[in-house]
Structures are given as structure tokens and as C-alpha cells.
C-alpha atoms as a PDB file:
ATOM      1  CA  MET A   1     110.178 -25.436 138.623  1.00  0.00           C
ATOM      2  CA  GLU A   2     108.085 -28.460 139.552  1.00  0.00           C
ATOM      3  CA  ILE A   3     105.047 -27.010 137.771  1.00  0.00           C
ATOM      4  CA  LEU A   4     107.180 -26.129 134.729  1.00  0.00           C
ATOM      5  CA  ILE A   5     108.900 -29.519 134.434  1.00  0.00           C
ATOM      6  CA  TYR A   6     105.824 -31.648 135.068  1.00  0.00           C
ATOM      7  CA  GLY A   7     103.754 -29.309 132.899  1.00  0.00           C
ATOM      8  CA  ILE A   8     106.062 -30.040 129.960  1.00  0.00           C
ATOM      9  CA  ILE A   9     105.954 -33.784 130.687  1.00  0.00           C
ATOM     10  CA  ASN A  10     102.162 -33.778 130.906  1.00  0.00           C
ATOM     11  CA  SER A  11     101.870 -31.727 127.708  1.00  0.00           C
ATOM     12  CA  VAL A  12     104.079 -34.107 125.717  1.00  0.00           C
ATOM     13  CA  THR A  13     102.058 -36.996 127.170  1.00  0.00           C
ATOM     14  CA  LEU A  14      98.791 -35.464 125.913  1.00  0.00           C
ATOM     15  CA  ALA A  15     100.344 -34.782 122.506  1.00  0.00           C
ATOM     16  CA  LEU A  16     101.419 -38.427 122.222  1.00  0.00           C
ATOM     17  CA  ILE A  17      97.946 -39.595 123.218  1.00  0.00           C
ATOM     18  CA  SER A  18      96.313 -37.350 120.607  1.00  0.00           C
ATOM     19  CA  LEU A  19      98.741 -37.806 117.731  1.00  0.00           C
ATOM     20  CA  GLY A  20      97.131 -40.918 116.244  1.00  0.00           C
ATOM     21  CA  PHE A  21      93.604 -39.469 116.505  1.00  0.00           C
ATOM     22  CA  THR A  22      94.740 -36.255 114.765  1.00  0.00           C
ATOM     23  CA  LEU A  23      96.595 -38.097 112.002  1.00  0.00           C
ATOM     24  CA  VAL A  24      93.575 -40.223 111.062  1.00  0.00           C
ATOM     25  CA  TYR A  25      91.208 -37.257 110.996  1.00  0.00           C
ATOM     26  CA  SER A  26      93.603 -34.909 109.169  1.00  0.00           C
ATOM     27  CA  ILE A  27      94.091 -37.421 106.350  1.00  0.00           C
ATOM     28  CA  SER A  28      90.810 -39.311 106.023  1.00  0.00           C
ATOM     29  CA  ARG A  29      88.387 -37.109 107.973  1.00  0.00           C
ATOM     30  CA  LEU A  30      87.477 -40.169 110.059  1.00  0.00           C
ATOM     31  CA  PRO A  31      86.828 -39.636 113.792  1.00  0.00           C
ATOM     32  CA  ASN A  32      88.338 -42.789 115.283  1.00  0.00           C
ATOM     33  CA  PHE A  33      86.459 -43.165 118.565  1.00  0.00           C
ATOM     34  CA  ALA A  34      88.067 -46.587 119.041  1.00  0.00           C
ATOM     35  CA  HIS A  35      91.345 -44.760 119.741  1.00  0.00           C
ATOM     36  CA  GLY A  36      91.311 -45.385 123.503  1.00  0.00           C
ATOM     37  CA  ALA A  37      90.426 -49.044 123.060  1.00  0.00           C
ATOM     38  CA  LEU A  38      93.372 -49.553 120.709  1.00  0.00           C
ATOM     39  CA  TYR A  39      95.610 -47.853 123.271  1.00  0.00           C
ATOM     40  CA  ILE A  40      94.632 -50.363 125.974  1.00  0.00           C
ATOM     41  CA  THR A  41      94.715 -53.294 123.532  1.00  0.00           C
ATOM     42  CA  THR A  42      98.391 -52.695 122.800  1.00  0.00           C
ATOM     43  CA  GLY A  43      99.275 -52.613 126.483  1.00  0.00           C
ATOM     44  CA  TYR A  44      97.296 -55.768 127.210  1.00  0.00           C
ATOM     45  CA  ILE A  45      98.774 -57.733 124.300  1.00  0.00           C
ATOM     46  CA  THR A  46     102.280 -56.689 125.359  1.00  0.00           C
ATOM     47  CA  TRP A  47     101.509 -57.756 128.940  1.00  0.00           C
ATOM     48  CA  LEU A  48     100.208 -61.126 127.740  1.00  0.00           C
ATOM     49  CA  PHE A  49     103.389 -61.935 125.838  1.00  0.00           C
ATOM     50  CA  LEU A  50     105.566 -60.864 128.769  1.00  0.00           C
ATOM     51  CA  ASN A  51     103.645 -62.833 131.382  1.00  0.00           C
ATOM     52  CA  LYS A  52     102.306 -65.880 129.531  1.00  0.00           C
ATOM     53  CA  PHE A  53     105.560 -66.722 127.752  1.00  0.00           C
ATOM     54  CA  GLU A  54     108.407 -66.941 130.220  1.00  0.00           C
ATOM     55  CA  GLY A  55     111.547 -65.146 129.104  1.00  0.00           C
ATOM     56  CA  PHE A  56     109.877 -63.441 126.133  1.00  0.00           C
ATOM     57  CA  PRO A  57     111.958 -60.345 125.214  1.00  0.00           C
ATOM     58  CA  TYR A  58     110.304 -57.032 126.098  1.00  0.00           C
ATOM     59  CA  PRO A  59     111.180 -55.337 122.754  1.00  0.00           C
ATOM     60  CA  PHE A  60     109.586 -58.205 120.788  1.00  0.00           C
ATOM     61  CA  ALA A  61     106.466 -58.045 122.947  1.00  0.00           C
ATOM     62  CA  ILE A  62     106.235 -54.313 122.238  1.00  0.00           C
ATOM     63  CA  PHE A  63     106.675 -54.883 118.505  1.00  0.00           C
ATOM     64  CA  ILE A  64     103.979 -57.573 118.411  1.00  0.00           C
ATOM     65  CA  GLY A  65     101.564 -55.450 120.462  1.00  0.00           C
ATOM     66  CA  ILE A  66     101.927 -52.425 118.168  1.00  0.00           C
ATOM     67  CA  ALA A  67     101.839 -54.561 115.005  1.00  0.00           C
ATOM     68  CA  ILE A  68      98.592 -56.279 116.038  1.00  0.00           C
ATOM     69  CA  THR A  69      97.047 -52.897 116.866  1.00  0.00           C
ATOM     70  CA  CYS A  70      98.032 -51.564 113.425  1.00  0.00           C
ATOM     71  CA  ILE A  71      96.342 -54.573 111.811  1.00  0.00           C
ATOM     72  CA  ILE A  72      93.206 -54.064 113.904  1.00  0.00           C
ATOM     73  CA  GLY A  73      93.042 -50.426 112.814  1.00  0.00           C
ATOM     74  CA  ALA A  74      93.391 -51.371 109.155  1.00  0.00           C
ATOM     75  CA  LEU A  75      90.713 -54.066 109.484  1.00  0.00           C
ATOM     76  CA  ILE A  76      88.304 -51.620 111.125  1.00  0.00           C
ATOM     77  CA  TYR A  77      88.387 -49.496 107.992  1.00  0.00           C
ATOM     78  CA  ARG A  78      88.515 -52.358 105.508  1.00  0.00           C
ATOM     79  CA  PHE A  79      85.434 -54.165 106.804  1.00  0.00           C
ATOM     80  CA  ILE A  80      83.373 -51.476 108.553  1.00  0.00           C
ATOM     81  CA  LEU A  81      84.247 -47.838 107.927  1.00  0.00           C
ATOM     82  CA  ILE A  82      84.634 -48.246 104.176  1.00  0.00           C
ATOM     83  CA  ARG A  83      80.899 -48.957 103.979  1.00  0.00           C
ATOM     84  CA  ILE A  84      79.826 -45.827 105.870  1.00  0.00           C
ATOM     85  CA  ARG A  85      82.565 -43.370 104.952  1.00  0.00           C
ATOM     86  CA  GLY A  86      81.214 -39.873 104.522  1.00  0.00           C
ATOM     87  CA  MET A  87      78.314 -40.486 106.936  1.00  0.00           C
ATOM     88  CA  GLU A  88      79.732 -38.577 109.907  1.00  0.00           C
ATOM     89  CA  ILE A  89      77.262 -39.653 112.576  1.00  0.00           C
ATOM     90  CA  SER A  90      77.518 -43.282 111.468  1.00  0.00           C
ATOM     91  CA  GLU A  91      81.326 -43.082 111.599  1.00  0.00           C
ATOM     92  CA  ILE A  92      81.228 -41.813 115.179  1.00  0.00           C
ATOM     93  CA  ILE A  93      78.682 -44.406 116.293  1.00  0.00           C
ATOM     94  CA  ALA A  94      80.502 -47.265 114.554  1.00  0.00           C
ATOM     95  CA  THR A  95      83.977 -46.444 115.884  1.00  0.00           C
ATOM     96  CA  TYR A  96      82.665 -45.808 119.394  1.00  0.00           C
ATOM     97  CA  ALA A  97      80.754 -49.096 119.314  1.00  0.00           C
ATOM     98  CA  ILE A  98      83.904 -50.928 118.189  1.00  0.00           C
ATOM     99  CA  GLY A  99      85.920 -49.312 120.959  1.00  0.00           C
ATOM    100  CA  LEU A 100      83.244 -50.125 123.525  1.00  0.00           C
ATOM    101  CA  ALA A 101      83.130 -53.740 122.365  1.00  0.00           C
ATOM    102  CA  ILE A 102      86.916 -54.057 122.590  1.00  0.00           C
ATOM    103  CA  LEU A 103      87.192 -52.503 126.054  1.00  0.00           C
ATOM    104  CA  GLU A 104      84.276 -54.381 127.573  1.00  0.00           C
ATOM    105  CA  GLY A 105      85.452 -57.548 125.841  1.00  0.00           C
ATOM    106  CA  LEU A 106      88.833 -57.138 127.553  1.00  0.00           C
ATOM    107  CA  ARG A 107      87.065 -56.568 130.874  1.00  0.00           C
ATOM    108  CA  TRP A 108      84.966 -59.687 130.335  1.00  0.00           C
ATOM    109  CA  GLY A 109      88.117 -61.594 129.381  1.00  0.00           C
ATOM    110  CA  GLY A 110      89.769 -60.830 132.713  1.00  0.00           C
ATOM    111  CA  LEU A 111      91.264 -57.330 132.482  1.00  0.00           C
ATOM    112  CA  ARG A 112      90.164 -56.297 135.973  1.00  0.00           C
ATOM    113  CA  GLY A 113      91.967 -54.886 138.984  1.00  0.00           C
ATOM    114  CA  MET A 114      95.398 -53.317 139.335  1.00  0.00           C
ATOM    115  CA  THR A 115      97.554 -56.383 138.653  1.00  0.00           C
ATOM    116  CA  PHE A 116      98.289 -55.618 134.990  1.00  0.00           C
ATOM    117  CA  THR A 117     101.424 -53.510 134.682  1.00  0.00           C
ATOM    118  CA  LEU A 118     104.281 -53.063 132.237  1.00  0.00           C
ATOM    119  CA  PRO A 119     107.887 -52.638 133.366  1.00  0.00           C
ATOM    120  CA  VAL A 120     109.535 -49.251 132.993  1.00  0.00           C
ATOM    121  CA  PHE A 121     112.255 -48.933 130.366  1.00  0.00           C
ATOM    122  CA  TYR A 122     114.836 -47.669 132.848  1.00  0.00           C
ATOM    123  CA  PRO A 123     114.224 -47.562 136.624  1.00  0.00           C
ATOM    124  CA  GLY A 124     115.339 -44.786 138.913  1.00  0.00           C
ATOM    125  CA  THR A 125     115.031 -41.026 139.242  1.00  0.00           C
ATOM    126  CA  ILE A 126     117.115 -37.943 138.575  1.00  0.00           C
ATOM    127  CA  GLU A 127     116.987 -34.408 139.938  1.00  0.00           C
ATOM    128  CA  ILE A 128     116.436 -31.572 137.460  1.00  0.00           C
ATOM    129  CA  PHE A 129     116.749 -28.108 139.021  1.00  0.00           C
ATOM    130  CA  GLY A 130     115.938 -29.644 142.378  1.00  0.00           C
ATOM    131  CA  VAL A 131     112.885 -31.536 141.086  1.00  0.00           C
ATOM    132  CA  SER A 132     112.900 -35.329 141.248  1.00  0.00           C
ATOM    133  CA  VAL A 133     111.845 -36.888 137.932  1.00  0.00           C
ATOM    134  CA  ASP A 134     111.872 -40.597 137.102  1.00  0.00           C
ATOM    135  CA  TYR A 135     113.711 -41.738 133.997  1.00  0.00           C
ATOM    136  CA  GLN A 136     110.558 -43.110 132.363  1.00  0.00           C
ATOM    137  CA  ARG A 137     109.072 -39.600 132.134  1.00  0.00           C
ATOM    138  CA  ILE A 138     112.307 -38.236 130.686  1.00  0.00           C
ATOM    139  CA  ILE A 139     112.203 -41.021 128.085  1.00  0.00           C
ATOM    140  CA  ILE A 140     108.604 -40.067 127.271  1.00  0.00           C
ATOM    141  CA  VAL A 141     109.610 -36.457 126.540  1.00  0.00           C
ATOM    142  CA  ILE A 142     112.655 -37.384 124.452  1.00  0.00           C
ATOM    143  CA  VAL A 143     110.907 -40.134 122.484  1.00  0.00           C
ATOM    144  CA  GLY A 144     107.826 -37.934 122.061  1.00  0.00           C
ATOM    145  CA  ILE A 145     109.853 -35.108 120.490  1.00  0.00           C
ATOM    146  CA  CYS A 146     111.678 -37.600 118.241  1.00  0.00           C
ATOM    147  CA  THR A 147     108.306 -39.082 117.184  1.00  0.00           C
ATOM    148  CA  PHE A 148     107.003 -35.677 116.099  1.00  0.00           C
ATOM    149  CA  ILE A 149     110.174 -35.028 114.089  1.00  0.00           C
ATOM    150  CA  LEU A 150     110.146 -38.467 112.415  1.00  0.00           C
ATOM    151  CA  LEU A 151     106.468 -38.128 111.544  1.00  0.00           C
ATOM    152  CA  TYR A 152     107.149 -34.750 109.950  1.00  0.00           C
ATOM    153  CA  LEU A 153     109.986 -36.238 107.900  1.00  0.00           C
ATOM    154  CA  PHE A 154     107.762 -39.183 106.903  1.00  0.00           C
ATOM    155  CA  THR A 155     104.964 -36.935 105.617  1.00  0.00           C
ATOM    156  CA  HIS A 156     107.338 -34.622 103.759  1.00  0.00           C
ATOM    157  CA  PHE A 157     110.050 -36.862 102.316  1.00  0.00           C
ATOM    158  CA  ASN A 158     108.471 -40.308 101.884  1.00  0.00           C
ATOM    159  CA  LYS A 159     106.353 -41.382  98.907  1.00  0.00           C
ATOM    160  CA  ILE A 160     103.593 -42.836 101.090  1.00  0.00           C
ATOM    161  CA  GLY A 161     103.712 -39.812 103.383  1.00  0.00           C
ATOM    162  CA  LEU A 162     103.410 -37.467 100.404  1.00  0.00           C
ATOM    163  CA  ALA A 163     100.390 -39.434  99.185  1.00  0.00           C
ATOM    164  CA  LEU A 164      98.805 -39.020 102.605  1.00  0.00           C
ATOM    165  CA  ARG A 165      99.472 -35.294 102.460  1.00  0.00           C
ATOM    166  CA  GLY A 166      97.962 -35.139  98.993  1.00  0.00           C
ATOM    167  CA  ILE A 167      94.733 -36.773 100.191  1.00  0.00           C
ATOM    168  CA  ALA A 168      94.669 -34.481 103.227  1.00  0.00           C
ATOM    169  CA  GLN A 169      94.994 -31.379 101.064  1.00  0.00           C
ATOM    170  CA  ASP A 170      92.578 -32.185  98.248  1.00  0.00           C
ATOM    171  CA  GLU A 171      91.119 -35.668  98.039  1.00  0.00           C
ATOM    172  CA  ARG A 172      89.541 -35.287  94.599  1.00  0.00           C
ATOM    173  CA  ALA A 173      92.664 -33.835  93.011  1.00  0.00           C
ATOM    174  CA  ALA A 174      94.802 -36.557  94.600  1.00  0.00           C
ATOM    175  CA  MET A 175      92.475 -39.265  93.261  1.00  0.00           C
ATOM    176  CA  MET A 176      92.735 -37.761  89.768  1.00  0.00           C
ATOM    177  CA  LEU A 177      96.516 -38.169  90.051  1.00  0.00           C
ATOM    178  CA  GLY A 178      96.153 -41.879  90.834  1.00  0.00           C
ATOM    179  CA  ILE A 179      96.186 -41.870  94.642  1.00  0.00           C
ATOM    180  CA  ASP A 180      93.604 -44.302  95.974  1.00  0.00           C
ATOM    181  CA  SER A 181      91.513 -42.805  98.761  1.00  0.00           C
ATOM    182  CA  ASP A 182      90.605 -46.114 100.415  1.00  0.00           C
ATOM    183  CA  THR A 183      94.211 -47.311 100.416  1.00  0.00           C
ATOM    184  CA  THR A 184      95.422 -44.114 102.091  1.00  0.00           C
ATOM    185  CA  ALA A 185      92.570 -44.378 104.605  1.00  0.00           C
ATOM    186  CA  ILE A 186      93.645 -47.923 105.501  1.00  0.00           C
ATOM    187  CA  ILE A 187      97.253 -46.743 105.881  1.00  0.00           C
ATOM    188  CA  SER A 188      96.202 -43.761 108.007  1.00  0.00           C
ATOM    189  CA  LEU A 189      94.065 -45.988 110.294  1.00  0.00           C
ATOM    190  CA  ALA A 190      96.944 -48.443 110.631  1.00  0.00           C
ATOM    191  CA  ILE A 191      99.494 -45.708 111.433  1.00  0.00           C
ATOM    192  CA  GLY A 192      97.088 -43.862 113.731  1.00  0.00           C
ATOM    193  CA  SER A 193      96.315 -47.074 115.624  1.00  0.00           C
ATOM    194  CA  GLY A 194     100.032 -47.833 115.836  1.00  0.00           C
ATOM    195  CA  LEU A 195     100.673 -44.370 117.286  1.00  0.00           C
ATOM    196  CA  ALA A 196      97.985 -44.992 119.909  1.00  0.00           C
ATOM    197  CA  GLY A 197      99.718 -48.269 120.765  1.00  0.00           C
ATOM    198  CA  PHE A 198     103.133 -46.608 120.807  1.00  0.00           C
ATOM    199  CA  ALA A 199     101.829 -44.018 123.283  1.00  0.00           C
ATOM    200  CA  ALA A 200     100.483 -46.857 125.440  1.00  0.00           C
ATOM    201  CA  ILE A 201     103.880 -48.572 125.550  1.00  0.00           C
ATOM    202  CA  LEU A 202     105.495 -45.342 126.752  1.00  0.00           C
ATOM    203  CA  LEU A 203     102.811 -44.270 129.233  1.00  0.00           C
ATOM    204  CA  LEU A 204     101.338 -47.453 130.726  1.00  0.00           C
ATOM    205  CA  PRO A 205     104.520 -48.332 132.698  1.00  0.00           C
ATOM    206  CA  LEU A 206     103.660 -45.277 134.840  1.00  0.00           C
ATOM    207  CA  GLY A 207     100.371 -46.858 135.936  1.00  0.00           C
ATOM    208  CA  ASN A 208      98.135 -49.862 135.455  1.00  0.00           C
ATOM    209  CA  ILE A 209      96.505 -51.381 132.382  1.00  0.00           C
ATOM    210  CA  ILE A 210      92.835 -50.858 133.176  1.00  0.00           C
ATOM    211  CA  VAL A 211      89.759 -50.554 130.980  1.00  0.00           C
ATOM    212  CA  GLU A 212      88.901 -47.115 132.402  1.00  0.00           C
ATOM    213  CA  ALA A 213      92.185 -45.737 131.043  1.00  0.00           C
ATOM    214  CA  GLY A 214      90.914 -46.384 127.517  1.00  0.00           C
ATOM    215  CA  TYR A 215      87.905 -44.124 128.084  1.00  0.00           C
ATOM    216  CA  ASN A 216      90.113 -41.438 129.664  1.00  0.00           C
ATOM    217  CA  VAL A 217      92.570 -41.508 126.760  1.00  0.00           C
ATOM    218  CA  LEU A 218      89.724 -41.058 124.273  1.00  0.00           C
ATOM    219  CA  ILE A 219      88.372 -38.051 126.190  1.00  0.00           C
ATOM    220  CA  PHE A 220      91.804 -36.428 126.432  1.00  0.00           C
ATOM    221  CA  ALA A 221      92.478 -37.015 122.720  1.00  0.00           C
ATOM    222  CA  ILE A 222      89.118 -35.486 121.762  1.00  0.00           C
ATOM    223  CA  ALA A 223      89.710 -32.513 124.092  1.00  0.00           C
ATOM    224  CA  VAL A 224      93.121 -31.782 122.584  1.00  0.00           C
ATOM    225  CA  CYS A 225      91.887 -32.125 118.999  1.00  0.00           C
ATOM    226  CA  VAL A 226      88.731 -30.033 119.554  1.00  0.00           C
ATOM    227  CA  ILE A 227      90.667 -27.207 121.204  1.00  0.00           C
ATOM    228  CA  GLY A 228      93.507 -27.262 118.679  1.00  0.00           C
ATOM    229  CA  GLY A 229      91.181 -27.668 115.706  1.00  0.00           C
ATOM    230  CA  LEU A 230      90.291 -31.050 114.232  1.00  0.00           C
ATOM    231  CA  GLY A 231      92.913 -32.047 111.694  1.00  0.00           C
ATOM    232  CA  SER A 232      95.471 -29.421 112.736  1.00  0.00           C
ATOM    233  CA  TRP A 233      98.799 -30.803 113.905  1.00  0.00           C
ATOM    234  CA  GLY A 234     100.048 -27.429 115.117  1.00  0.00           C
ATOM    235  CA  GLY A 235      96.785 -26.969 116.999  1.00  0.00           C
ATOM    236  CA  THR A 236      97.182 -30.400 118.597  1.00  0.00           C
ATOM    237  CA  VAL A 237     100.610 -29.527 119.998  1.00  0.00           C
ATOM    238  CA  LEU A 238      99.477 -26.097 121.227  1.00  0.00           C
ATOM    239  CA  ALA A 239      96.293 -27.494 122.796  1.00  0.00           C
ATOM    240  CA  SER A 240      98.343 -30.234 124.492  1.00  0.00           C
ATOM    241  CA  PHE A 241     100.428 -27.595 126.251  1.00  0.00           C
ATOM    242  CA  ILE A 242      97.366 -25.542 127.200  1.00  0.00           C
ATOM    243  CA  ILE A 243      95.535 -28.500 128.743  1.00  0.00           C
ATOM    244  CA  GLY A 244      98.753 -30.039 130.087  1.00  0.00           C
ATOM    245  CA  PHE A 245      99.721 -26.991 132.123  1.00  0.00           C
ATOM    246  CA  ALA A 246      96.107 -26.364 133.152  1.00  0.00           C
ATOM    247  CA  GLN A 247      95.939 -29.888 134.594  1.00  0.00           C
ATOM    248  CA  ILE A 248      99.230 -29.522 136.464  1.00  0.00           C
ATOM    249  CA  LEU A 249      98.105 -26.184 137.946  1.00  0.00           C
ATOM    250  CA  THR A 250      94.794 -27.764 138.929  1.00  0.00           C
ATOM    251  CA  GLU A 251      96.629 -30.662 140.562  1.00  0.00           C
ATOM    252  CA  ALA A 252      98.958 -28.280 142.410  1.00  0.00           C
ATOM    253  CA  PHE A 253      96.270 -25.980 143.795  1.00  0.00           C
ATOM    254  CA  LEU A 254      93.170 -28.198 143.929  1.00  0.00           C
ATOM    255  CA  SER A 255      93.311 -31.978 143.432  1.00  0.00           C
ATOM    256  CA  THR A 256      94.201 -34.624 140.852  1.00  0.00           C
ATOM    257  CA  HIS A 257      90.512 -35.551 140.698  1.00  0.00           C
ATOM    258  CA  TYR A 258      89.808 -32.357 138.747  1.00  0.00           C
ATOM    259  CA  GLN A 259      92.079 -33.175 135.787  1.00  0.00           C
ATOM    260  CA  MET A 260      89.243 -34.759 133.822  1.00  0.00           C
ATOM    261  CA  VAL A 261      87.001 -31.808 134.693  1.00  0.00           C
ATOM    262  CA  VAL A 262      89.607 -29.460 133.197  1.00  0.00           C
ATOM    263  CA  ALA A 263      89.565 -31.391 129.908  1.00  0.00           C
ATOM    264  CA  LEU A 264      85.758 -31.441 129.720  1.00  0.00           C
ATOM    265  CA  LEU A 265      85.470 -27.745 130.593  1.00  0.00           C
ATOM    266  CA  ALA A 266      88.046 -26.956 127.920  1.00  0.00           C
ATOM    267  CA  ILE A 267      85.907 -28.756 125.329  1.00  0.00           C
ATOM    268  CA  ILE A 268      82.745 -26.906 126.392  1.00  0.00           C
ATOM    269  CA  ILE A 269      84.417 -23.472 126.452  1.00  0.00           C
ATOM    270  CA  THR A 270      86.036 -24.037 123.042  1.00  0.00           C
ATOM    271  CA  LEU A 271      82.744 -25.129 121.472  1.00  0.00           C
ATOM    272  CA  LEU A 272      81.031 -22.036 122.897  1.00  0.00           C
ATOM    273  CA  VAL A 273      83.729 -19.492 122.013  1.00  0.00           C
ATOM    274  CA  LYS A 274      85.412 -20.902 118.895  1.00  0.00           C
ATOM    275  CA  PRO A 275      83.791 -24.150 117.692  1.00  0.00           C
ATOM    276  CA  SER A 276      86.417 -24.675 114.978  1.00  0.00           C
ATOM    277  CA  GLY A 277      89.257 -24.689 117.529  1.00  0.00           C
ATOM    278  CA  ILE A 278      92.434 -22.603 117.644  1.00  0.00           C
ATOM    279  CA  PHE A 279      93.647 -23.642 114.183  1.00  0.00           C
ATOM    280  CA  GLY A 280      90.373 -25.058 112.948  1.00  0.00           C
ATOM    281  CA  LYS A 281      90.097 -23.143 109.682  1.00  0.00           C
ATOM    282  CA  GLN A 282      91.170 -24.702 106.404  1.00  0.00           C
ATOM    283  CA  LYS A 283      94.902 -23.985 106.129  1.00  0.00           C
ATOM    284  CA  GLU A 284      97.815 -24.650 103.869  1.00  0.00           C
ATOM    285  CA  LEU A 285      98.939 -28.280 103.736  1.00  0.00           C
ATOM    286  CA  GLU A 286     102.024 -27.762 105.871  1.00  0.00           C
ATOM    287  CA  GLU A 287      99.899 -26.455 108.726  1.00  0.00           C
ATOM    288  CA  ARG A 288      97.656 -29.533 108.766  1.00  0.00           C
ATOM    289  CA  VAL A 289     100.014 -32.404 107.947  1.00  0.00           C
END
């Protein structure tokens, strides 16, 4: 039961980490390698408002942290990616360089050590089938499921969401119908960055805000998306559960130090056996967005 419960928690965690990366690529075909840096940026900004301004409300700090991250994501496209869009190698190099600059800039600015932490939403633990689970992890699972549902409703029943789906399905046809490709790309980068920040707010209370976590989050997001198939939402969820349970089994029978090895091996095996990923082929719109 412990493997089952913590496997589900870990899988939802990986899905939350990867959701923003998948959304950006599925809509704009942009590999946002600054994803991990934006994740840490949100946590650090939230920490700053909580600790530098005495009595600052936690919900407002969260809102400001996510909002600033959304703006950063939009600015990355508006001033950098718009000039190199369509040049895949340049997109990867540019976004990775931006992420590297952000993370190392935070390190240079003082983000060192284990003293940077966010408070949990609700302290305490509960027993589920004899397994002790803290409330923060239960909140992660519940909020994660609600996030997936709300994102589905947004992309299927909202005008902006439908425009994003149109671009994801056929960019040229969508542009002929009056949907601006650059505008949707800016929106997708902003939402994807916000989702990275939202994941940080949920997950960082379980640990520390450290620069290395940004690199780890990027690797996990890439692993999930490569295995599931770049741009496939269904593949992202399935791959999250595959890697999530594989990591928990590795932790149970070997050591926690091998969790990163599991993710990297999963990438290598997928690229050797099925480079397009589980759901990597071009599919109907509902399967990708």
C-alpha cells in the first residue's frame, strides 16, 4: 500500500512538473528549457515577499510569484524567441541559456544553502490504509487532478483556449481564420510558465528552494514529455505514472539516489526503442490538447 499510495503521489507530482512544458510545446512547438528556472523563480519570489515584508499574506505572495513568472514567460517569447522561432536548435540553446542565466543569477544573488523554505498549506499527517501521509501531499494530488480538469475545460470551452487548440491542430489554417500565431505563443508561454510556478508553490513546501532543484525539474519534465510523446497530453499523464512508480520502486528496493538515474535511463531507452514516444505520432486534436 505504501508503494501504491506514494507511487500515485509521485506520479501526480511529475505530471504537475511537466504540464507547463507540454502545454507550450503542444501549442507553439517551442521547447521551453527555461522551465526549471521559472519553477524556482516563483518559489524564490514567494519566499521574498513572505520573509522581507512582515505579515505579508501567503495567498498574495503566491499570486504575485505566479503572476511575475507568467510575465517573464511572455517576455521571453516577445523579445527573444519571436526572433528565432522555427529554428529548433536555436530555440533550445536560447531557452536553456535563459534558464541558466536565471538560476545562476539567483545563486549569485544569495540563493544558497537550505534556509529557503515555504510553509506547508496545512500541517499534520493522516493515515490511509495504514500508511502515514502528510496533508501537503494529499493537497498536491487533489489540486493536481483539479488542475488537469480545469485546463481541459479551458481548452475546450473558452474562446482563448479554443484558439490555442486551433493553433495546435493546424497553425496555417488557424492563421487564415484570423488567429495570430505570435499572440497565442505569448499566451502559451505565459500559461506554461504560470503552471511551472503553480507546481513550485505546491511542491516546494516539501523541501528547500535550491538552484539544483531547477535543473532536476527540467530533466524530469523532459523525461516525461519524451516518453509520453512531445506535445501529447495523454502521453504526459501516462509517462508520469510510468516514471513515478518506477522511481518509488527504485527508492523502495535500492536508494533515493537512483531516482534521477531512472529518469535518464527512461529517456535513453525511449529514444532507442520508440523515439517519438508512446503517443508521439500526429493525432486528433483532442488527444494532443
